[in-house]
C-alpha cells in the first residue's frame, strides 16, 4: 500500500464555509424514500427526482445550466435483444455450436430489429488495443470490414510481472471491455468477441450472464457501432482456438508482445439478434453559479441521480432506494451548492450536473460528453461524487485513478487541511476508474477527481472499516436494503469527504491554472485536441 503523507500544513486551503451535515441528511432521506420509487429512468420515479432536484437548485438561487432550462434531454433507446440459441463456429474441418448463456452472450447497440454476423471471418487480435503512446497496435495490417475480432480482456500488463508494460497490474482504459468494443467499431469490424477470464475481468461468468441479457438502455450516437458485441466463456474460447490455425500456441504470451499482429483463425462465426426497440427521453439536471472574472471557465461537480427503481422483491421489499448509491452523491451536490452560495463569489463558474443512466452504463454523462453544454477546453476539472459510505471521519482519502492528473495534488492539499493521508485505489487492477461518471469527462480530456475515505478511520481500525465496507457490498449494494435510517446512519464521514470536495472546487474556482494530465495517462491526448 502506497501512503502519501499530507502533514499538518493548512496554509494553502481555507474552509470559508462548512458543508452542512443536516442538509446532507435531509436530501438523502428524501431521495432515498419510497416516494421516489427507486429513481429509475423512464418511470414516475424519474419525474419526481428531476423535479425535486430542479426545485432545490432553484430555491438555492442557482441559475438554469442549459440556457433557460435546468434540464438536458438525454435521448435513450431501450433494446431488448434475443440472440439465436446457438453461435455457430465453422471451418474447413466442420462446425460446432456454442450455447446462449452457457457459452456466449451477444448484444448490440444498433437500433435495428434484426442484426447479426453471417459467416464472418474470425481473427485473433490480441488485447484489441491501439495505443500510440505505447507503440501498440493489435489491429495493424488487416482490413476489418466484414470481419470479427477475438480479443482478451484487460491489457498486456496484467500479471505480466513487468510494471513497465502498460501500467503493470493497474488496468488502463485499454483493458476495459467498453474500450474494446469502441476500438473494434472504429477499426470497421462487424463484431467483437471478448474471451472471458475471471481474474483479469475481476468478475465471474455469472456477472456476464446477468449483465448482458434482457433490456438494456443505450444512447443514440453518431459514433461507429458493431453489429454484435459478444463474450464467450474461457472454455468455449479454448475449444475455438483448438479448432483454429492457432491450435497449440500460447495466445496470452503472444499477445503481450509489441510486435504482435492479428492472426486469422481460419474460422467463421454466425449469430443473430432479434431486437425489440423502445425510444424515450431521460434528463440530466444542470444548474449554474456564474463566476465573476472568469465566468467562461467551469468546474463541474457531478453525481448520478438514478438507481434501479422497483424490481424483484427481496425479503418483501421491491423498491431499490439507493441511499448510498447514489442518494448520497446527489444530496452532496445540493449540500455543496448551498455551501458555495453561503460563501464569497468565485472567479470561475461552478456547475452542478446530476446525470441519468449511470447504472445502465454511464449513459447520462456519456451523452453530456458527446453533447457538452460547456466548452470542454474551458472546463477546468470534474469532481465526481458516487456512493459515499464512510462509517465515520476517515484518515485516508482513497483516490480512484491516482496518478492520472494534477487533481491528485489538489486532493492532497485539501487532505492536508483535514490531517488526512492519500492512498491510491488498492484494487486498481479491477478498473474502478472506468465505472463512474468522471470517466466520461476524462475521455474528453477533462481532469477528474473521484475519491472518498475508504480505508482507515480516525477512531475505527483498518479491519473495522473493511468489515463495514464488506457488509455493505454483500448485504446492501444494488439491493432494496440500501435504505436510509436517520437513527442509525452515520454521516460525519460523508460530510468530511464533501467538505474536501468543496475545498478543492473552491481553490480551483479562484485561480487561473488548469490542472494537467500526467505523462503516461491515456487521457492526456484528448486535452490537447482543439
Protein backbone atom coordinates (compact mmCIF):
# COMPACT_ATOMS: atom_id res chain seq x y z
CA UNK A 1 0.00 0.00 0.00
CA UNK A 2 1.39 3.40 -1.00
CA UNK A 3 0.70 6.14 1.53
CA UNK A 4 1.23 9.80 0.71
CA UNK A 5 1.56 11.74 3.93
CA UNK A 6 -0.04 15.15 3.89
CA UNK A 7 1.34 16.50 7.13
CA UNK A 8 -0.36 19.27 9.11
CA UNK A 9 0.22 22.31 6.87
CA UNK A 10 -3.10 24.05 6.37
CA UNK A 11 -1.90 27.33 4.91
CA UNK A 12 -2.97 26.66 1.31
CA UNK A 13 -6.61 25.64 1.84
CA UNK A 14 -9.20 27.77 3.61
CA UNK A 15 -12.60 26.43 4.52
CA UNK A 16 -14.70 29.56 4.06
CA UNK A 17 -17.91 27.73 4.92
CA UNK A 18 -18.85 24.31 6.16
CA UNK A 19 -20.88 21.86 4.12
CA UNK A 20 -23.94 21.33 6.29
CA UNK A 21 -24.44 17.78 7.55
CA UNK A 22 -28.12 18.38 8.26
CA UNK A 23 -28.58 19.40 4.60
CA UNK A 24 -26.95 16.16 3.50
CA UNK A 25 -29.21 14.14 5.81
CA UNK A 26 -32.37 15.93 4.69
CA UNK A 27 -31.75 15.29 0.99
CA UNK A 28 -30.61 11.68 1.38
CA UNK A 29 -33.73 10.92 3.41
CA UNK A 30 -35.99 12.38 0.70
CA UNK A 31 -34.17 11.00 -2.34
CA UNK A 32 -33.95 7.50 -0.82
CA UNK A 33 -37.55 7.45 0.38
CA UNK A 34 -40.15 5.13 -1.14
CA UNK A 35 -41.82 8.24 -2.60
CA UNK A 36 -39.07 8.37 -5.24
CA UNK A 37 -39.70 4.75 -6.33
CA UNK A 38 -36.02 3.88 -6.68
CA UNK A 39 -35.28 6.74 -9.14
CA UNK A 40 -35.23 4.65 -12.32
CA UNK A 41 -35.09 6.41 -15.71
CA UNK A 42 -38.32 6.33 -17.79
CA UNK A 43 -40.51 5.88 -14.70
CA UNK A 44 -42.57 8.08 -12.42
CA UNK A 45 -39.57 7.91 -10.10
CA UNK A 46 -37.53 9.87 -12.64
CA UNK A 47 -40.19 12.59 -12.91
CA UNK A 48 -40.28 13.00 -9.11
CA UNK A 49 -36.48 13.01 -8.87
CA UNK A 50 -35.61 15.52 -11.59
CA UNK A 51 -38.38 17.88 -10.47
CA UNK A 52 -37.10 17.70 -6.90
CA UNK A 53 -33.53 18.49 -7.96
CA UNK A 54 -34.61 21.34 -10.23
CA UNK A 55 -36.72 22.86 -7.45
CA UNK A 56 -33.97 22.53 -4.85
CA UNK A 57 -31.35 24.16 -7.09
CA UNK A 58 -33.83 26.93 -7.84
CA UNK A 59 -34.50 27.50 -4.12
CA UNK A 60 -30.76 27.92 -3.56
CA UNK A 61 -30.64 30.63 -6.21
CA UNK A 62 -28.70 28.68 -8.83
CA UNK A 63 -29.37 29.53 -12.46
CA UNK A 64 -30.54 27.08 -15.13
CA UNK A 65 -27.44 25.44 -16.56
CA UNK A 66 -28.69 24.71 -20.07
CA UNK A 67 -29.77 28.07 -21.46
CA UNK A 68 -33.13 28.77 -19.83
CA UNK A 69 -33.58 25.18 -18.67
CA UNK A 70 -32.39 23.14 -15.71
CA UNK A 71 -32.62 20.03 -17.89
CA UNK A 72 -30.59 18.42 -20.64
CA UNK A 73 -32.67 15.92 -22.57
CA UNK A 74 -30.90 12.58 -22.97
CA UNK A 75 -32.50 10.53 -25.78
CA UNK A 76 -32.23 6.87 -24.88
CA UNK A 77 -33.13 3.64 -26.55
CA UNK A 78 -34.23 0.53 -24.70
CA UNK A 79 -33.11 -2.51 -26.69
CA UNK A 80 -34.39 -5.91 -25.64
CA UNK A 81 -32.31 -8.35 -27.63
CA UNK A 82 -32.96 -12.05 -28.12
CA UNK A 83 -29.90 -13.79 -29.56
CA UNK A 84 -30.10 -17.02 -31.52
CA UNK A 85 -29.86 -20.09 -29.33
CA UNK A 86 -26.55 -21.04 -30.91
CA UNK A 87 -23.42 -19.23 -32.03
CA UNK A 88 -22.04 -21.39 -34.84
CA UNK A 89 -18.29 -21.62 -35.36
CA UNK A 90 -17.37 -23.18 -38.70
CA UNK A 91 -14.16 -24.07 -40.55
CA UNK A 92 -12.70 -26.41 -43.11
CA UNK A 93 -12.87 -29.31 -40.64
CA UNK A 94 -16.55 -28.83 -39.80
CA UNK A 95 -18.52 -26.75 -37.32
CA UNK A 96 -19.71 -26.69 -33.73
CA UNK A 97 -22.20 -24.64 -31.74
CA UNK A 98 -21.88 -22.56 -28.59
CA UNK A 99 -24.98 -22.33 -26.40
CA UNK A 100 -26.51 -18.99 -25.44
CA UNK A 101 -25.78 -18.04 -21.81
CA UNK A 102 -23.85 -21.23 -21.06
CA UNK A 103 -21.12 -20.46 -23.60
CA UNK A 104 -21.76 -16.98 -25.01
CA UNK A 105 -23.75 -13.77 -24.73
CA UNK A 106 -24.40 -11.36 -27.58
CA UNK A 107 -25.79 -7.83 -27.61
CA UNK A 108 -25.93 -4.84 -29.91
CA UNK A 109 -26.32 -1.08 -29.62
CA UNK A 110 -27.52 -0.81 -33.20
CA UNK A 111 -31.09 0.47 -33.30
CA UNK A 112 -32.44 -2.10 -35.72
CA UNK A 113 -34.83 -5.01 -35.32
CA UNK A 114 -32.52 -7.66 -36.76
CA UNK A 115 -28.75 -7.72 -36.71
CA UNK A 116 -26.05 -10.36 -36.69
CA UNK A 117 -22.96 -11.97 -38.17
CA UNK A 118 -23.20 -14.32 -41.15
CA UNK A 119 -20.06 -16.43 -41.73
CA UNK A 120 -17.95 -13.53 -40.51
CA UNK A 121 -14.22 -14.28 -40.62
CA UNK A 122 -12.69 -14.66 -37.14
CA UNK A 123 -9.31 -13.05 -36.49
CA UNK A 124 -7.47 -13.13 -33.17
CA UNK A 125 -6.46 -9.55 -32.28
CA UNK A 126 -4.61 -10.00 -29.00
CA UNK A 127 -5.91 -7.49 -26.46
CA UNK A 128 -7.68 -5.44 -29.13
CA UNK A 129 -5.68 -2.31 -28.31
CA UNK A 130 -4.46 0.63 -30.36
CA UNK A 131 -2.26 2.74 -28.05
CA UNK A 132 0.15 5.06 -29.91
CA UNK A 133 1.82 6.20 -26.69
CA UNK A 134 2.90 2.58 -26.09
CA UNK A 135 3.73 1.92 -29.74
CA UNK A 136 0.95 -0.68 -29.74
CA UNK A 137 -1.49 -1.72 -32.49
CA UNK A 138 -3.26 -5.08 -32.28
CA UNK A 139 -5.31 -4.34 -35.42
CA UNK A 140 -2.49 -3.41 -37.79
CA UNK A 141 -2.38 -4.82 -41.32
CA UNK A 142 -5.97 -6.04 -41.62
CA UNK A 143 -8.96 -4.63 -43.50
CA UNK A 144 -11.55 -5.34 -40.82
CA UNK A 145 -14.68 -4.77 -42.88
CA UNK A 146 -16.93 -7.83 -42.62
CA UNK A 147 -14.68 -9.48 -40.02
CA UNK A 148 -14.98 -10.28 -36.31
CA UNK A 149 -12.14 -9.77 -33.86
CA UNK A 150 -11.49 -12.14 -30.95
CA UNK A 151 -9.68 -10.46 -28.04
CA UNK A 152 -8.58 -10.90 -24.43
CA UNK A 153 -9.97 -8.90 -21.51
CA UNK A 154 -7.75 -6.46 -19.56
CA UNK A 155 -4.42 -5.28 -21.00
CA UNK A 156 -0.92 -6.74 -21.53
CA UNK A 157 0.47 -5.52 -18.20
CA UNK A 158 -1.87 -7.57 -16.01
CA UNK A 159 0.01 -10.41 -14.30
CA UNK A 160 2.91 -9.93 -16.71
CA UNK A 161 5.47 -9.38 -13.96
CA UNK A 162 6.58 -6.25 -15.83
CA UNK A 163 5.50 -2.99 -14.15
CA UNK A 164 6.62 -1.04 -17.24
CA UNK A 165 4.29 -2.91 -19.61
CA UNK A 166 1.35 -0.53 -19.86
CA UNK A 167 0.79 0.11 -16.12
CA UNK A 168 1.58 -3.34 -14.80
CA UNK A 169 -1.32 -4.79 -12.82
CA UNK A 170 -3.23 -1.50 -12.84
CA UNK A 171 -5.89 -1.63 -15.52
CA UNK A 172 -5.71 1.11 -18.14
CA UNK A 173 -8.75 2.08 -20.16
CA UNK A 174 -7.38 -0.14 -22.93
CA UNK A 175 -8.22 -3.10 -20.70
CA UNK A 176 -11.86 -2.19 -20.19
CA UNK A 177 -14.50 -4.05 -22.20
CA UNK A 178 -16.15 -0.79 -23.27
CA UNK A 179 -12.93 0.36 -24.94
CA UNK A 180 -12.55 -2.93 -26.77
CA UNK A 181 -15.99 -2.65 -28.37
CA UNK A 182 -15.38 1.01 -29.24
CA UNK A 183 -11.99 0.32 -30.84
CA UNK A 184 -13.22 -2.63 -32.88
CA UNK A 185 -16.01 -0.44 -34.24
CA UNK A 186 -13.54 2.33 -35.09
CA UNK A 187 -11.49 -0.24 -36.98
CA UNK A 188 -14.53 -1.11 -39.10
CA UNK A 189 -15.11 -4.63 -37.76
CA UNK A 190 -18.58 -6.18 -37.85
CA UNK A 191 -18.24 -7.89 -34.50
CA UNK A 192 -16.06 -8.42 -31.45
CA UNK A 193 -15.84 -11.44 -29.16
CA UNK A 194 -14.17 -10.96 -25.77
CA UNK A 195 -12.73 -14.06 -24.13
CA UNK A 196 -13.86 -14.16 -20.51
CA UNK A 197 -11.31 -14.88 -17.79
CA UNK A 198 -12.39 -14.33 -14.18
CA UNK A 199 -9.18 -12.92 -12.71
CA UNK A 200 -8.37 -10.23 -15.31
CA UNK A 201 -12.06 -9.39 -15.70
CA UNK A 202 -12.48 -9.19 -11.90
CA UNK A 203 -15.85 -10.97 -12.09
CA UNK A 204 -17.14 -14.41 -12.93
CA UNK A 205 -19.18 -15.67 -15.86
CA UNK A 206 -22.35 -15.27 -13.75
CA UNK A 207 -21.91 -11.48 -13.99
CA UNK A 208 -21.71 -11.77 -17.79
CA UNK A 209 -24.89 -13.86 -17.85
CA UNK A 210 -26.87 -11.33 -15.81
CA UNK A 211 -25.32 -8.10 -17.11
CA UNK A 212 -25.53 -8.80 -20.85
CA UNK A 213 -29.07 -10.13 -21.05
CA UNK A 214 -32.55 -8.61 -21.03
CA UNK A 215 -33.48 -4.99 -21.73
CA UNK A 216 -30.55 -2.61 -22.00
CA UNK A 217 -30.55 1.16 -22.25
CA UNK A 218 -28.22 2.98 -24.60
CA UNK A 219 -27.95 6.41 -26.19
CA UNK A 220 -28.20 7.01 -29.90
CA UNK A 221 -24.85 8.18 -31.18
CA UNK A 222 -23.06 9.14 -34.38
CA UNK A 223 -20.08 7.03 -33.31
CA UNK A 224 -19.40 3.77 -35.19
CA UNK A 225 -21.07 0.67 -33.75
CA UNK A 226 -20.53 -3.06 -34.08
CA UNK A 227 -23.25 -5.36 -35.34
CA UNK A 228 -22.56 -7.73 -32.45
CA UNK A 229 -20.82 -7.25 -29.11
CA UNK A 230 -20.15 -10.64 -27.56
CA UNK A 231 -18.41 -12.53 -24.78
CA UNK A 232 -17.54 -16.21 -24.78
CA UNK A 233 -16.52 -18.32 -21.81
CA UNK A 234 -12.89 -19.31 -21.36
CA UNK A 235 -13.76 -22.96 -22.03
CA UNK A 236 -15.54 -22.08 -25.28
CA UNK A 237 -12.63 -19.89 -26.34
CA UNK A 238 -10.22 -22.77 -25.84
CA UNK A 239 -12.47 -25.01 -27.93
CA UNK A 240 -12.50 -22.38 -30.66
CA UNK A 241 -8.73 -21.89 -30.61
CA UNK A 242 -8.11 -25.64 -30.60
CA UNK A 243 -10.15 -25.85 -33.83
CA UNK A 244 -8.26 -22.92 -35.37
CA UNK A 245 -4.98 -22.17 -37.08
CA UNK A 246 -3.65 -21.18 -33.61
CA UNK A 247 -4.00 -24.65 -32.10
CA UNK A 248 -1.22 -25.28 -29.59
CA UNK A 249 0.01 -21.68 -29.50
CA UNK A 250 0.32 -19.73 -26.24
CA UNK A 251 -2.01 -16.93 -27.26
CA UNK A 252 -1.64 -14.98 -23.99
CA UNK A 253 2.14 -14.77 -24.28
CA UNK A 254 1.91 -13.84 -27.97
CA UNK A 255 -0.49 -11.03 -27.11
CA UNK A 256 1.91 -9.41 -24.65
CA UNK A 257 4.45 -8.60 -27.36
CA UNK A 258 4.54 -5.18 -29.01
CA UNK A 259 5.33 -6.97 -32.25
CA UNK A 260 2.05 -8.95 -32.14
CA UNK A 261 -0.03 -8.76 -35.30
CA UNK A 262 -3.55 -10.15 -35.93
CA UNK A 263 -3.77 -13.88 -36.63
CA UNK A 264 -6.54 -15.30 -38.90
CA UNK A 265 -8.15 -18.29 -37.22
CA UNK A 266 -9.43 -19.90 -40.44
CA UNK A 267 -12.85 -19.97 -38.79
CA UNK A 268 -16.12 -18.12 -39.34
CA UNK A 269 -18.89 -17.14 -36.92
CA UNK A 270 -22.67 -16.92 -37.37
CA UNK A 271 -25.07 -15.49 -34.81
CA UNK A 272 -28.24 -13.38 -34.99
CA UNK A 273 -30.06 -11.00 -32.62
CA UNK A 274 -33.74 -10.03 -32.77
CA UNK A 275 -34.47 -6.71 -31.04
CA UNK A 276 -37.49 -5.02 -29.54
CA UNK A 277 -36.87 -1.27 -29.55
CA UNK A 278 -38.36 1.44 -27.37
CA UNK A 279 -37.27 5.09 -27.56
CA UNK A 280 -37.71 7.66 -24.81
CA UNK A 281 -36.02 10.71 -23.30
CA UNK A 282 -34.46 10.90 -19.85
CA UNK A 283 -32.96 14.02 -18.27
CA UNK A 284 -29.72 15.29 -16.82
CA UNK A 285 -30.28 18.11 -14.31
CA UNK A 286 -27.84 21.02 -14.59
CA UNK A 287 -27.54 24.19 -12.51
CA UNK A 288 -25.02 27.03 -12.56
CA UNK A 289 -23.36 29.54 -10.25
CA UNK A 290 -21.75 32.10 -12.62
CA UNK A 291 -18.24 33.30 -11.86
CA UNK A 292 -17.21 36.90 -11.58
CA UNK A 293 -13.95 37.37 -13.52
CA UNK A 294 -13.54 34.10 -15.48
CA UNK A 295 -17.17 33.10 -15.93
CA UNK A 296 -16.43 31.25 -19.19
CA UNK A 297 -14.29 28.72 -17.27
CA UNK A 298 -16.08 25.96 -15.38
CA UNK A 299 -15.66 23.46 -12.56
CA UNK A 300 -18.24 20.67 -12.87
CA UNK A 301 -19.48 18.72 -9.86
CA UNK A 302 -21.26 15.54 -10.98
CA UNK A 303 -23.29 12.75 -9.40
CA UNK A 304 -25.78 10.30 -10.85
CA UNK A 305 -29.35 10.57 -9.59
CA UNK A 306 -30.60 7.21 -10.89
CA UNK A 307 -30.92 3.79 -9.31
CA UNK A 308 -32.86 0.58 -10.13
CA UNK A 309 -36.44 1.56 -9.42
CA UNK A 310 -38.97 -1.10 -8.43
CA UNK A 311 -37.79 -4.63 -9.11
CA UNK A 312 -37.52 -8.14 -7.77
CA UNK A 313 -38.67 -8.28 -4.16
CA UNK A 314 -36.10 -9.32 -1.56
CA UNK A 315 -37.45 -10.04 1.93
CA UNK A 316 -40.72 -8.46 0.88
CA UNK A 317 -39.20 -5.15 -0.31
CA UNK A 318 -39.21 -4.34 -4.04
CA UNK A 319 -38.12 -0.65 -4.00
CA UNK A 320 -34.41 -0.23 -4.68
CA UNK A 321 -33.97 3.03 -2.75
CA UNK A 322 -30.23 3.52 -3.38
CA UNK A 323 -29.47 5.57 -0.27
CA UNK A 324 -25.71 5.17 -0.59
CA UNK A 325 -25.78 4.60 -4.35
CA UNK A 326 -26.37 7.39 -5.10
CA UNK A 327 -28.70 9.49 -2.99
CA UNK A 328 -25.53 10.30 -1.03
CA UNK A 329 -23.79 11.85 -4.04
CA UNK A 330 -26.91 13.62 -5.30
CA UNK A 331 -27.52 15.09 -1.85
CA UNK A 332 -23.85 16.04 -1.86
CA UNK A 333 -24.38 18.18 -4.97
CA UNK A 334 -27.13 20.12 -3.20
CA UNK A 335 -25.11 20.50 0.01
CA UNK A 336 -22.01 21.75 -1.85
CA UNK A 337 -24.15 24.12 -3.92
CA UNK A 338 -25.56 25.51 -0.67
CA UNK A 339 -22.03 25.99 0.68
CA UNK A 340 -20.94 27.92 -2.40
CA UNK A 341 -24.00 30.17 -2.16
CA UNK A 342 -23.23 30.89 1.50
CA UNK A 343 -19.63 31.86 0.76
CA UNK A 344 -17.90 34.52 -1.30
CA UNK A 345 -18.45 34.70 -5.04
CA UNK A 346 -15.95 32.73 -7.11
CA UNK A 347 -13.99 33.91 -10.13
CA UNK A 348 -14.83 30.83 -12.18
CA UNK A 349 -18.29 29.37 -12.73
CA UNK A 350 -19.47 26.32 -10.80
CA UNK A 351 -21.70 23.73 -12.48
CA UNK A 352 -23.76 21.08 -10.72
CA UNK A 353 -24.66 18.18 -13.00
CA UNK A 354 -26.93 15.37 -11.81
CA UNK A 355 -26.80 12.74 -14.55
CA UNK A 356 -29.12 9.94 -15.57
CA UNK A 357 -28.46 6.35 -16.55
CA UNK A 358 -25.22 5.66 -14.66
CA UNK A 359 -26.47 2.27 -13.57
CA UNK A 360 -27.19 1.41 -17.22
CA UNK A 361 -23.66 2.22 -18.40
CA UNK A 362 -22.78 5.85 -17.56
CA UNK A 363 -25.29 6.98 -20.18
CA UNK A 364 -26.13 10.48 -18.95
CA UNK A 365 -22.50 11.52 -18.61
CA UNK A 366 -21.67 9.84 -21.93
CA UNK A 367 -24.38 11.90 -23.62
CA UNK A 368 -23.08 15.05 -21.94
CA UNK A 369 -19.54 14.25 -23.12
CA UNK A 370 -20.79 13.95 -26.71
CA UNK A 371 -23.04 17.00 -26.36
CA UNK A 372 -21.30 19.24 -23.81
CA UNK A 373 -23.14 22.32 -22.63
CA UNK A 374 -19.88 23.94 -21.52
CA UNK A 375 -16.75 24.00 -23.68
CA UNK A 376 -14.55 21.05 -22.62
CA UNK A 377 -11.41 23.11 -23.31
CA UNK A 378 -12.72 25.71 -20.87
CA UNK A 379 -13.83 23.12 -18.31
CA UNK A 380 -11.13 23.19 -15.66
CA UNK A 381 -11.96 19.93 -13.87
CA UNK A 382 -14.64 17.49 -12.84
CA UNK A 383 -15.28 16.38 -9.26
CA UNK A 384 -17.48 13.28 -9.23
CA UNK A 385 -19.42 12.07 -6.20
CA UNK A 386 -20.67 8.47 -6.10
CA UNK A 387 -21.74 6.16 -3.28
CA UNK A 388 -20.29 7.83 -0.19
CA UNK A 389 -20.44 5.32 2.61
CA UNK A 390 -17.73 6.24 5.14
CA UNK A 391 -18.85 4.96 8.55
CA UNK A 392 -17.01 7.84 10.26
CA UNK A 393 -14.45 10.54 9.51
CA UNK A 394 -11.64 8.80 7.69
CA UNK A 395 -7.88 9.29 7.97
CA UNK A 396 -7.42 8.32 4.33
CA UNK A 397 -8.58 9.76 1.06
CA UNK A 398 -8.54 6.91 -1.44
CA UNK A 399 -8.21 8.24 -4.99
CA UNK A 400 -9.55 6.05 -7.76
CA UNK A 401 -7.40 6.83 -10.78
CA UNK A 402 -4.47 8.13 -8.76
CA UNK A 403 -1.52 9.06 -10.97
CA UNK A 404 -3.54 10.35 -13.93
CA UNK A 405 -3.57 14.10 -13.35
CA UNK A 406 -2.64 17.02 -11.13
CA UNK A 407 -6.02 16.71 -9.47
CA UNK A 408 -4.07 14.39 -7.15
CA UNK A 409 -2.16 17.45 -5.91
CA UNK A 410 -5.33 19.42 -5.27
CA UNK A 411 -6.75 16.49 -3.34
CA UNK A 412 -3.52 16.14 -1.38
CA UNK A 413 -3.61 19.79 -0.35
CA UNK A 414 -7.23 19.58 0.74
CA UNK A 415 -6.48 16.36 2.65
CA UNK A 416 -3.62 18.16 4.40
CA UNK A 417 -6.12 20.64 5.84
CA UNK A 418 -8.05 17.71 7.32
CA UNK A 419 -4.97 15.88 8.64
CA UNK A 420 -5.55 13.01 6.22
CA UNK A 421 -3.27 10.94 4.02
CA UNK A 422 -3.71 9.97 0.36
CA UNK A 423 -3.68 6.41 -0.96
CA UNK A 424 -4.30 5.07 -4.47
CA UNK A 425 -7.17 2.69 -5.05
CA UNK A 426 -5.83 -0.63 -3.67
CA UNK A 427 -7.85 -2.54 -6.30
CA UNK A 428 -6.66 -0.59 -9.36
CA UNK A 429 -6.49 -3.80 -11.40
CA UNK A 430 -10.32 -4.00 -11.26
CA UNK A 431 -10.72 -0.83 -13.30
CA UNK A 432 -12.98 1.12 -10.95
CA UNK A 433 -11.74 4.34 -12.56
CA UNK A 434 -13.83 3.43 -15.59
CA UNK A 435 -17.03 2.61 -13.68
CA UNK A 436 -18.40 6.01 -12.66
CA UNK A 437 -19.30 9.22 -14.43
CA UNK A 438 -15.97 11.06 -14.03
CA UNK A 439 -14.63 8.67 -16.65
CA UNK A 440 -16.66 10.26 -19.44
CA UNK A 441 -15.18 13.64 -18.56
CA UNK A 442 -11.71 12.13 -18.65
CA UNK A 443 -12.41 10.69 -22.10
CA UNK A 444 -12.85 14.21 -23.50
CA UNK A 445 -9.75 15.50 -21.74
CA UNK A 446 -11.19 17.00 -18.54
CA UNK A 447 -9.08 16.09 -15.45
CA UNK A 448 -11.31 14.41 -12.88
CA UNK A 449 -11.23 13.64 -9.18
CA UNK A 450 -13.06 10.57 -7.88
CA UNK A 451 -12.23 9.80 -4.27
CA UNK A 452 -13.57 9.06 -0.80
CA UNK A 453 -12.47 7.91 2.60
CA UNK A 454 -12.42 4.13 2.37
CA UNK A 455 -9.52 2.59 4.26
CA UNK A 456 -8.91 3.77 7.85
CA UNK A 457 -10.97 5.79 10.30
CA UNK A 458 -9.76 8.21 12.94
CA UNK A 459 -11.47 6.03 15.54
CA UNK A 460 -12.02 2.77 13.65
CA UNK A 461 -9.28 0.38 12.57
CA UNK A 462 -8.46 -0.67 9.04
CA UNK A 463 -10.02 -4.05 9.84
CA UNK A 464 -13.23 -2.48 11.16
CA UNK A 465 -13.58 -0.27 8.09
CA UNK A 466 -13.06 -3.25 5.79
CA UNK A 467 -15.71 -5.19 7.70
CA UNK A 468 -18.14 -2.28 7.29
CA UNK A 469 -17.43 -1.95 3.57
CA UNK A 470 -17.76 -5.68 3.00
CA UNK A 471 -21.08 -5.72 4.85
CA UNK A 472 -22.44 -3.01 2.57
CA UNK A 473 -21.26 -4.79 -0.59
CA UNK A 474 -22.73 -8.13 0.47
CA UNK A 475 -25.97 -7.04 2.10
CA UNK A 476 -26.95 -3.67 0.60
CA UNK A 477 -25.21 -2.85 -2.68
CA UNK A 478 -27.79 -2.83 -5.52
CA UNK A 479 -30.39 -4.32 -3.17
CA UNK A 480 -33.62 -2.92 -1.65
CA UNK A 481 -31.84 -2.83 1.72
CA UNK A 482 -29.72 0.16 0.63
CA UNK A 483 -32.01 2.44 2.66
CA UNK A 484 -31.57 5.50 4.86
CA UNK A 485 -32.29 5.28 8.59
CA UNK A 486 -31.84 8.65 10.34
CA UNK A 487 -31.34 6.93 13.70
CA UNK A 488 -28.53 4.62 12.61
CA UNK A 489 -26.88 6.16 9.52
CA UNK A 490 -23.60 7.91 10.33
CA UNK A 491 -22.94 10.90 8.08
CA UNK A 492 -19.89 12.56 9.65
CA UNK A 493 -17.59 10.77 7.21
CA UNK A 494 -19.78 11.70 4.24
CA UNK A 495 -19.71 15.35 5.36
CA UNK A 496 -15.93 15.16 5.77
CA UNK A 497 -15.50 13.97 2.18
CA UNK A 498 -17.94 16.54 0.81
CA UNK A 499 -16.09 19.29 2.69
CA UNK A 500 -12.90 18.20 0.95
CA UNK A 501 -14.63 18.27 -2.45
CA UNK A 502 -15.91 21.77 -1.69
CA UNK A 503 -12.42 22.94 -0.71
CA UNK A 504 -10.89 21.55 -3.90
CA UNK A 505 -13.54 23.20 -6.04
CA UNK A 506 -13.24 26.49 -4.17
CA UNK A 507 -9.49 26.63 -4.78
CA UNK A 508 -9.89 25.78 -8.46
CA UNK A 509 -12.63 28.38 -8.84
CA UNK A 510 -10.42 31.24 -7.67
CA UNK A 511 -7.25 30.70 -9.71
CA UNK A 512 -6.29 30.84 -13.37
CA UNK A 513 -4.44 27.50 -13.57
CA UNK A 514 -5.76 24.46 -15.47
CA UNK A 515 -4.74 21.10 -13.90
CA UNK A 516 -2.78 18.97 -16.33
CA UNK A 517 -2.76 15.29 -17.16
CA UNK A 518 0.44 13.48 -16.27
CA UNK A 519 2.62 11.98 -18.96
CA UNK A 520 1.59 8.38 -19.44
CA UNK A 521 -2.12 8.96 -18.89
CA UNK A 522 -4.18 7.69 -21.80
CA UNK A 523 -6.39 10.79 -21.45
CA UNK A 524 -3.69 13.42 -21.94
CA UNK A 525 -4.04 13.49 -25.74
CA UNK A 526 -7.74 14.38 -25.56
CA UNK A 527 -6.95 17.58 -23.63
CA UNK A 528 -4.58 18.69 -26.39
CA UNK A 529 -7.22 18.37 -29.11
CA UNK A 530 -8.77 21.64 -30.31
